[in-house]
Full PDB file with SEQRES, HELIX, SHEET, SSBOND, CRYST1, ORIGX, SCALE, CONECT and MASTER records, all heavy atoms in Angstrom:
SEQRES   1 A   35  THR VAL THR GLY THR SER GLY GLY THR SER ALA SER THR          
SEQRES   2 A   35  PRO ALA SER THR THR SER GLU LYS PRO ILE SER GLN MET          
SEQRES   3 A   35  THR THR GLN GLU ILE GLN ALA LYS ILE                          
HELIX    1 AA1 ILE A   23  GLN A   25  5                                   3    
HELIX    2 AA2 THR A   28  LYS A   34  1                                   7    
CRYST1    1.000    1.000    1.000  90.00  90.00  90.00 P 1           1          
ORIGX1      1.000000  0.000000  0.000000        0.00000                         
ORIGX2      0.000000  1.000000  0.000000        0.00000                         
ORIGX3      0.000000  0.000000  1.000000        0.00000                         
SCALE1      1.000000  0.000000  0.000000        0.00000                         
SCALE2      0.000000  1.000000  0.000000        0.00000                         
SCALE3      0.000000  0.000000  1.000000        0.00000                         
ATOM      1  N   THR A   1      34.847   3.469  38.856  1.00  0.00           N  
ATOM      2  CA  THR A   1      36.130   3.120  39.449  1.00  0.00           C  
ATOM      3  C   THR A   1      36.746   4.375  40.033  1.00  0.00           C  
ATOM      4  O   THR A   1      36.778   5.417  39.376  1.00  0.00           O  
ATOM      5  CB  THR A   1      37.075   2.537  38.380  1.00  0.00           C  
ATOM      6  OG1 THR A   1      36.447   1.397  37.796  1.00  0.00           O  
ATOM      7  CG2 THR A   1      38.398   2.123  38.999  1.00  0.00           C  
ATOM      8  N   VAL A   2      37.198   4.269  41.270  1.00  0.00           N  
ATOM      9  CA  VAL A   2      37.917   5.361  41.906  1.00  0.00           C  
ATOM     10  C   VAL A   2      39.393   4.982  41.854  1.00  0.00           C  
ATOM     11  O   VAL A   2      39.778   3.905  42.304  1.00  0.00           O  
ATOM     12  CB  VAL A   2      37.451   5.574  43.362  1.00  0.00           C  
ATOM     13  CG1 VAL A   2      38.267   6.661  44.032  1.00  0.00           C  
ATOM     14  CG2 VAL A   2      35.967   5.907  43.404  1.00  0.00           C  
ATOM     15  N   THR A   3      40.199   5.859  41.234  1.00  0.00           N  
ATOM     16  CA  THR A   3      41.620   5.571  41.088  1.00  0.00           C  
ATOM     17  C   THR A   3      42.463   6.599  41.811  1.00  0.00           C  
ATOM     18  O   THR A   3      41.999   7.697  42.099  1.00  0.00           O  
ATOM     19  CB  THR A   3      42.045   5.569  39.599  1.00  0.00           C  
ATOM     20  OG1 THR A   3      41.768   6.840  39.047  1.00  0.00           O  
ATOM     21  CG2 THR A   3      41.331   4.491  38.827  1.00  0.00           C  
ATOM     22  N   GLY A   4      43.701   6.225  42.048  1.00  0.00           N  
ATOM     23  CA  GLY A   4      44.631   7.119  42.716  1.00  0.00           C  
ATOM     24  C   GLY A   4      44.692   6.787  44.186  1.00  0.00           C  
ATOM     25  O   GLY A   4      44.145   5.793  44.642  1.00  0.00           O  
ATOM     26  N   THR A   5      45.350   7.646  44.914  1.00  0.00           N  
ATOM     27  CA  THR A   5      45.487   7.440  46.354  1.00  0.00           C  
ATOM     28  C   THR A   5      44.876   8.620  47.078  1.00  0.00           C  
ATOM     29  O   THR A   5      44.881   9.731  46.573  1.00  0.00           O  
ATOM     30  CB  THR A   5      46.965   7.302  46.761  1.00  0.00           C  
ATOM     31  OG1 THR A   5      47.659   8.462  46.329  1.00  0.00           O  
ATOM     32  CG2 THR A   5      47.601   6.072  46.158  1.00  0.00           C  
ATOM     33  N   SER A   6      44.358   8.366  48.240  1.00  0.00           N  
ATOM     34  CA  SER A   6      43.828   9.465  49.046  1.00  0.00           C  
ATOM     35  C   SER A   6      44.763   9.684  50.223  1.00  0.00           C  
ATOM     36  O   SER A   6      45.464   8.788  50.636  1.00  0.00           O  
ATOM     37  CB  SER A   6      42.407   9.137  49.533  1.00  0.00           C  
ATOM     38  OG  SER A   6      42.377   7.873  50.143  1.00  0.00           O  
ATOM     39  N   GLY A   7      44.764  10.894  50.721  1.00  0.00           N  
ATOM     40  CA  GLY A   7      45.579  11.203  51.894  1.00  0.00           C  
ATOM     41  C   GLY A   7      47.055  11.371  51.593  1.00  0.00           C  
ATOM     42  O   GLY A   7      47.886  10.996  52.382  1.00  0.00           O  
ATOM     43  N   GLY A   8      47.394  11.873  50.404  1.00  0.00           N  
ATOM     44  CA  GLY A   8      48.799  12.132  50.085  1.00  0.00           C  
ATOM     45  C   GLY A   8      49.403  11.034  49.256  1.00  0.00           C  
ATOM     46  O   GLY A   8      48.710  10.203  48.703  1.00  0.00           O  
ATOM     47  N   THR A   9      50.730  11.006  49.189  1.00  0.00           N  
ATOM     48  CA  THR A   9      51.408  10.031  48.353  1.00  0.00           C  
ATOM     49  C   THR A   9      51.542   8.708  49.080  1.00  0.00           C  
ATOM     50  O   THR A   9      51.763   8.662  50.279  1.00  0.00           O  
ATOM     51  CB  THR A   9      52.809  10.538  47.936  1.00  0.00           C  
ATOM     52  OG1 THR A   9      53.385  11.221  49.046  1.00  0.00           O  
ATOM     53  CG2 THR A   9      52.766  11.453  46.757  1.00  0.00           C  
ATOM     54  N   SER A  10      51.430   7.626  48.335  1.00  0.00           N  
ATOM     55  CA  SER A  10      51.590   6.297  48.920  1.00  0.00           C  
ATOM     56  C   SER A  10      53.047   5.894  48.804  1.00  0.00           C  
ATOM     57  O   SER A  10      53.827   6.517  48.092  1.00  0.00           O  
ATOM     58  CB  SER A  10      50.699   5.288  48.193  1.00  0.00           C  
ATOM     59  OG  SER A  10      51.209   5.073  46.892  1.00  0.00           O  
ATOM     60  N   ALA A  11      53.412   4.798  49.442  1.00  0.00           N  
ATOM     61  CA  ALA A  11      54.800   4.347  49.423  1.00  0.00           C  
ATOM     62  C   ALA A  11      55.224   3.945  48.009  1.00  0.00           C  
ATOM     63  O   ALA A  11      56.385   4.037  47.657  1.00  0.00           O  
ATOM     64  CB  ALA A  11      54.969   3.179  50.379  1.00  0.00           C  
ATOM     65  N   SER A  12      54.298   3.486  47.167  1.00  0.00           N  
ATOM     66  CA  SER A  12      54.652   3.024  45.831  1.00  0.00           C  
ATOM     67  C   SER A  12      54.758   4.171  44.824  1.00  0.00           C  
ATOM     68  O   SER A  12      55.242   3.984  43.728  1.00  0.00           O  
ATOM     69  CB  SER A  12      53.619   2.000  45.348  1.00  0.00           C  
ATOM     70  OG  SER A  12      52.368   2.625  45.229  1.00  0.00           O  
ATOM     71  N   THR A  13      54.286   5.337  45.184  1.00  0.00           N  
ATOM     72  CA  THR A  13      54.358   6.481  44.275  1.00  0.00           C  
ATOM     73  C   THR A  13      55.553   7.339  44.649  1.00  0.00           C  
ATOM     74  O   THR A  13      55.674   7.743  45.804  1.00  0.00           O  
ATOM     75  CB  THR A  13      53.071   7.329  44.372  1.00  0.00           C  
ATOM     76  OG1 THR A  13      51.956   6.490  44.152  1.00  0.00           O  
ATOM     77  CG2 THR A  13      53.077   8.451  43.359  1.00  0.00           C  
ATOM     78  N   PRO A  14      56.430   7.599  43.674  1.00  0.00           N  
ATOM     79  CA  PRO A  14      57.591   8.421  44.018  1.00  0.00           C  
ATOM     80  C   PRO A  14      57.175   9.819  44.450  1.00  0.00           C  
ATOM     81  O   PRO A  14      56.266  10.399  43.871  1.00  0.00           O  
ATOM     82  CB  PRO A  14      58.413   8.472  42.728  1.00  0.00           C  
ATOM     83  CG  PRO A  14      57.559   7.903  41.660  1.00  0.00           C  
ATOM     84  CD  PRO A  14      56.404   7.206  42.293  1.00  0.00           C  
ATOM     85  N   ALA A  15      57.846  10.337  45.464  1.00  0.00           N  
ATOM     86  CA  ALA A  15      57.534  11.684  45.931  1.00  0.00           C  
ATOM     87  C   ALA A  15      58.055  12.690  44.906  1.00  0.00           C  
ATOM     88  O   ALA A  15      58.981  12.417  44.161  1.00  0.00           O  
ATOM     89  CB  ALA A  15      58.191  11.915  47.287  1.00  0.00           C  
ATOM     90  N   SER A  16      57.458  13.843  44.888  1.00  0.00           N  
ATOM     91  CA  SER A  16      57.874  14.888  43.958  1.00  0.00           C  
ATOM     92  C   SER A  16      59.306  15.304  44.258  1.00  0.00           C  
ATOM     93  O   SER A  16      59.674  15.499  45.410  1.00  0.00           O  
ATOM     94  CB  SER A  16      56.938  16.090  44.103  1.00  0.00           C  
ATOM     95  OG  SER A  16      57.405  17.146  43.301  1.00  0.00           O  
ATOM     96  N   THR A  17      60.098  15.403  43.177  1.00  0.00           N  
ATOM     97  CA  THR A  17      61.496  15.786  43.372  1.00  0.00           C  
ATOM     98  C   THR A  17      61.683  17.285  43.174  1.00  0.00           C  
ATOM     99  O   THR A  17      62.771  17.793  43.324  1.00  0.00           O  
ATOM    100  CB  THR A  17      62.407  15.026  42.391  1.00  0.00           C  
ATOM    101  OG1 THR A  17      61.906  15.251  41.073  1.00  0.00           O  
ATOM    102  CG2 THR A  17      62.433  13.547  42.697  1.00  0.00           C  
ATOM    103  N   THR A  18      60.621  17.969  42.785  1.00  0.00           N  
ATOM    104  CA  THR A  18      60.723  19.414  42.597  1.00  0.00           C  
ATOM    105  C   THR A  18      59.682  20.096  43.449  1.00  0.00           C  
ATOM    106  O   THR A  18      58.664  19.518  43.785  1.00  0.00           O  
ATOM    107  CB  THR A  18      60.485  19.804  41.123  1.00  0.00           C  
ATOM    108  OG1 THR A  18      59.179  19.386  40.754  1.00  0.00           O  
ATOM    109  CG2 THR A  18      61.505  19.185  40.204  1.00  0.00           C  
ATOM    110  N   SER A  19      59.962  21.334  43.794  1.00  0.00           N  
ATOM    111  CA  SER A  19      58.965  22.083  44.541  1.00  0.00           C  
ATOM    112  C   SER A  19      57.875  22.518  43.573  1.00  0.00           C  
ATOM    113  O   SER A  19      58.089  22.585  42.375  1.00  0.00           O  
ATOM    114  CB  SER A  19      59.619  23.288  45.214  1.00  0.00           C  
ATOM    115  OG  SER A  19      60.188  24.116  44.222  1.00  0.00           O  
ATOM    116  N   GLU A  20      56.699  22.792  44.077  1.00  0.00           N  
ATOM    117  CA  GLU A  20      55.588  23.211  43.232  1.00  0.00           C  
ATOM    118  C   GLU A  20      55.706  24.696  42.938  1.00  0.00           C  
ATOM    119  O   GLU A  20      55.177  25.530  43.646  1.00  0.00           O  
ATOM    120  CB  GLU A  20      54.249  22.887  43.917  1.00  0.00           C  
ATOM    121  CG  GLU A  20      53.989  21.407  44.060  1.00  0.00           C  
ATOM    122  CD  GLU A  20      53.958  20.650  42.735  1.00  0.00           C  
ATOM    123  OE1 GLU A  20      53.384  21.158  41.748  1.00  0.00           O  
ATOM    124  OE2 GLU A  20      54.526  19.555  42.684  1.00  0.00           O  
ATOM    125  N   LYS A  21      56.446  25.002  41.894  1.00  0.00           N  
ATOM    126  CA  LYS A  21      56.583  26.388  41.472  1.00  0.00           C  
ATOM    127  C   LYS A  21      56.289  26.450  39.986  1.00  0.00           C  
ATOM    128  O   LYS A  21      56.316  25.430  39.303  1.00  0.00           O  
ATOM    129  CB  LYS A  21      57.966  26.943  41.812  1.00  0.00           C  
ATOM    130  CG  LYS A  21      59.144  26.224  41.187  1.00  0.00           C  
ATOM    131  CD  LYS A  21      60.442  26.853  41.677  1.00  0.00           C  
ATOM    132  CE  LYS A  21      61.648  26.034  41.233  1.00  0.00           C  
ATOM    133  NZ  LYS A  21      62.895  26.591  41.730  1.00  0.00           N  
ATOM    134  N   PRO A  22      56.005  27.620  39.461  1.00  0.00           N  
ATOM    135  CA  PRO A  22      55.669  27.724  38.038  1.00  0.00           C  
ATOM    136  C   PRO A  22      56.794  27.184  37.152  1.00  0.00           C  
ATOM    137  O   PRO A  22      57.975  27.319  37.487  1.00  0.00           O  
ATOM    138  CB  PRO A  22      55.490  29.225  37.822  1.00  0.00           C  
ATOM    139  CG  PRO A  22      55.276  29.809  39.172  1.00  0.00           C  
ATOM    140  CD  PRO A  22      55.967  28.907  40.136  1.00  0.00           C  
ATOM    141  N   ILE A  23      56.420  26.576  36.029  1.00  0.00           N  
ATOM    142  CA  ILE A  23      57.403  26.022  35.088  1.00  0.00           C  
ATOM    143  C   ILE A  23      58.406  27.089  34.663  1.00  0.00           C  
ATOM    144  O   ILE A  23      59.584  26.802  34.493  1.00  0.00           O  
ATOM    145  CB  ILE A  23      56.673  25.411  33.874  1.00  0.00           C  
ATOM    146  CG1 ILE A  23      56.251  23.998  34.225  1.00  0.00           C  
ATOM    147  CG2 ILE A  23      57.513  25.435  32.626  1.00  0.00           C  
ATOM    148  CD1 ILE A  23      55.684  23.207  33.086  1.00  0.00           C  
ATOM    149  N   SER A  24      57.951  28.322  34.505  1.00  0.00           N  
ATOM    150  CA  SER A  24      58.834  29.399  34.060  1.00  0.00           C  
ATOM    151  C   SER A  24      59.981  29.654  35.043  1.00  0.00           C  
ATOM    152  O   SER A  24      61.002  30.230  34.677  1.00  0.00           O  
ATOM    153  CB  SER A  24      58.045  30.680  33.830  1.00  0.00           C  
ATOM    154  OG  SER A  24      57.429  31.087  35.036  1.00  0.00           O  
ATOM    155  N   GLN A  25      59.815  29.196  36.293  1.00  0.00           N  
ATOM    156  CA  GLN A  25      60.853  29.407  37.300  1.00  0.00           C  
ATOM    157  C   GLN A  25      61.680  28.152  37.561  1.00  0.00           C  
ATOM    158  O   GLN A  25      62.582  28.154  38.385  1.00  0.00           O  
ATOM    159  CB  GLN A  25      60.223  29.888  38.609  1.00  0.00           C  
ATOM    160  CG  GLN A  25      59.563  31.240  38.496  1.00  0.00           C  
ATOM    161  CD  GLN A  25      58.867  31.645  39.796  1.00  0.00           C  
ATOM    162  OE1 GLN A  25      58.958  30.969  40.802  1.00  0.00           O  
ATOM    163  NE2 GLN A  25      58.179  32.779  39.751  1.00  0.00           N  
ATOM    164  N   MET A  26      61.367  27.039  36.865  1.00  0.00           N  
ATOM    165  CA  MET A  26      62.084  25.779  37.076  1.00  0.00           C  
ATOM    166  C   MET A  26      63.336  25.724  36.209  1.00  0.00           C  
ATOM    167  O   MET A  26      63.351  26.239  35.093  1.00  0.00           O  
ATOM    168  CB  MET A  26      61.194  24.585  36.722  1.00  0.00           C  
ATOM    169  CG  MET A  26      60.077  24.315  37.672  1.00  0.00           C  
ATOM    170  SD  MET A  26      59.193  22.824  37.144  1.00  0.00           S  
ATOM    171  CE  MET A  26      57.919  22.751  38.372  1.00  0.00           C  
ATOM    172  N   THR A  27      64.349  25.032  36.742  1.00  0.00           N  
ATOM    173  CA  THR A  27      65.538  24.768  35.940  1.00  0.00           C  
ATOM    174  C   THR A  27      65.242  23.599  35.005  1.00  0.00           C  
ATOM    175  O   THR A  27      64.251  22.884  35.186  1.00  0.00           O  
ATOM    176  CB  THR A  27      66.743  24.401  36.841  1.00  0.00           C  
ATOM    177  OG1 THR A  27      66.448  23.153  37.472  1.00  0.00           O  
ATOM    178  CG2 THR A  27      67.020  25.476  37.875  1.00  0.00           C  
ATOM    179  N   THR A  28      66.123  23.388  34.027  1.00  0.00           N  
ATOM    180  CA  THR A  28      65.947  22.266  33.101  1.00  0.00           C  
ATOM    181  C   THR A  28      65.902  20.949  33.865  1.00  0.00           C  
ATOM    182  O   THR A  28      65.085  20.080  33.567  1.00  0.00           O  
ATOM    183  CB  THR A  28      67.095  22.247  32.063  1.00  0.00           C  
ATOM    184  OG1 THR A  28      67.113  23.511  31.387  1.00  0.00           O  
ATOM    185  CG2 THR A  28      66.921  21.150  31.048  1.00  0.00           C  
ATOM    186  N   GLN A  29      66.746  20.788  34.865  1.00  0.00           N  
ATOM    187  CA  GLN A  29      66.766  19.558  35.665  1.00  0.00           C  
ATOM    188  C   GLN A  29      65.436  19.365  36.398  1.00  0.00           C  
ATOM    189  O   GLN A  29      64.925  18.251  36.475  1.00  0.00           O  
ATOM    190  CB  GLN A  29      67.905  19.605  36.687  1.00  0.00           C  
ATOM    191  CG  GLN A  29      69.230  19.141  36.138  1.00  0.00           C  
ATOM    192  CD  GLN A  29      70.256  19.055  37.254  1.00  0.00           C  
ATOM    193  OE1 GLN A  29      70.319  19.931  38.122  1.00  0.00           O  
ATOM    194  NE2 GLN A  29      71.066  18.002  37.230  1.00  0.00           N  
ATOM    195  N   GLU A  30      64.881  20.428  36.975  1.00  0.00           N  
ATOM    196  CA  GLU A  30      63.605  20.332  37.685  1.00  0.00           C  
ATOM    197  C   GLU A  30      62.478  19.953  36.726  1.00  0.00           C  
ATOM    198  O   GLU A  30      61.617  19.142  37.066  1.00  0.00           O  
ATOM    199  CB  GLU A  30      63.283  21.650  38.396  1.00  0.00           C  
ATOM    200  CG  GLU A  30      64.186  21.940  39.591  1.00  0.00           C  
ATOM    201  CD  GLU A  30      63.965  23.332  40.170  1.00  0.00           C  
ATOM    202  OE1 GLU A  30      63.731  24.280  39.399  1.00  0.00           O  
ATOM    203  OE2 GLU A  30      64.039  23.467  41.408  1.00  0.00           O  
ATOM    204  N   ILE A  31      62.512  20.539  35.526  1.00  0.00           N  
ATOM    205  CA  ILE A  31      61.472  20.207  34.536  1.00  0.00           C  
ATOM    206  C   ILE A  31      61.592  18.746  34.125  1.00  0.00           C  
ATOM    207  O   ILE A  31      60.586  18.030  34.039  1.00  0.00           O  
ATOM    208  CB  ILE A  31      61.559  21.152  33.318  1.00  0.00           C  
ATOM    209  CG1 ILE A  31      61.149  22.567  33.719  1.00  0.00           C  
ATOM    210  CG2 ILE A  31      60.679  20.641  32.169  1.00  0.00           C  
ATOM    211  CD1 ILE A  31      61.379  23.617  32.643  1.00  0.00           C  
ATOM    212  N   GLN A  32      62.818  18.269  33.902  1.00  0.00           N  
ATOM    213  CA  GLN A  32      63.009  16.858  33.541  1.00  0.00           C  
ATOM    214  C   GLN A  32      62.525  15.933  34.652  1.00  0.00           C  
ATOM    215  O   GLN A  32      61.898  14.912  34.395  1.00  0.00           O  
ATOM    216  CB  GLN A  32      64.487  16.596  33.207  1.00  0.00           C  
ATOM    217  CG  GLN A  32      64.905  17.200  31.882  1.00  0.00           C  
ATOM    218  CD  GLN A  32      66.405  17.095  31.631  1.00  0.00           C  
ATOM    219  OE1 GLN A  32      67.207  16.943  32.564  1.00  0.00           O  
ATOM    220  NE2 GLN A  32      66.786  17.185  30.362  1.00  0.00           N  
ATOM    221  N   ALA A  33      62.806  16.299  35.907  1.00  0.00           N  
ATOM    222  CA  ALA A  33      62.359  15.486  37.038  1.00  0.00           C  
ATOM    223  C   ALA A  33      60.827  15.464  37.109  1.00  0.00           C  
ATOM    224  O   ALA A  33      60.216  14.427  37.387  1.00  0.00           O  
ATOM    225  CB  ALA A  33      62.948  16.023  38.344  1.00  0.00           C  
ATOM    226  N   LYS A  34      60.197  16.612  36.852  1.00  0.00           N  
ATOM    227  CA  LYS A  34      58.729  16.691  36.865  1.00  0.00           C  
ATOM    228  C   LYS A  34      58.141  15.820  35.757  1.00  0.00           C  
ATOM    229  O   LYS A  34      57.154  15.117  35.961  1.00  0.00           O  
ATOM    230  CB  LYS A  34      58.285  18.151  36.722  1.00  0.00           C  
ATOM    231  CG  LYS A  34      56.788  18.359  36.757  1.00  0.00           C  
ATOM    232  CD  LYS A  34      56.149  17.818  38.003  1.00  0.00           C  
ATOM    233  CE  LYS A  34      56.018  18.830  39.093  1.00  0.00           C  
ATOM    234  NZ  LYS A  34      55.339  18.320  40.291  1.00  0.00           N  
ATOM    235  N   ILE A  35      58.763  15.842  34.569  1.00  0.00           N  
ATOM    236  CA  ILE A  35      58.288  15.013  33.448  1.00  0.00           C  
ATOM    237  C   ILE A  35      58.376  13.538  33.817  1.00  0.00           C  
ATOM    238  O   ILE A  35      57.430  12.779  33.581  1.00  0.00           O  
ATOM    239  CB  ILE A  35      59.090  15.330  32.164  1.00  0.00           C  
ATOM    240  CG1 ILE A  35      58.720  16.718  31.647  1.00  0.00           C  
ATOM    241  CG2 ILE A  35      58.848  14.261  31.088  1.00  0.00           C  
ATOM    242  CD1 ILE A  35      59.612  17.226  30.525  1.00  0.00           C  
TER     243      ILE A  35                                                      
MASTER        0    0    0    2    0    0    0    6  242    1    0    3          
END                                                                             
């Protein structure tokens, strides 16, 4: 079985609300959004 989406995010998958930066540089809100 091949799972997931190819070619980026699909309409049904929420887009990332945080930028891709190291956890050590994220605020508490960014970490909660990532979780």
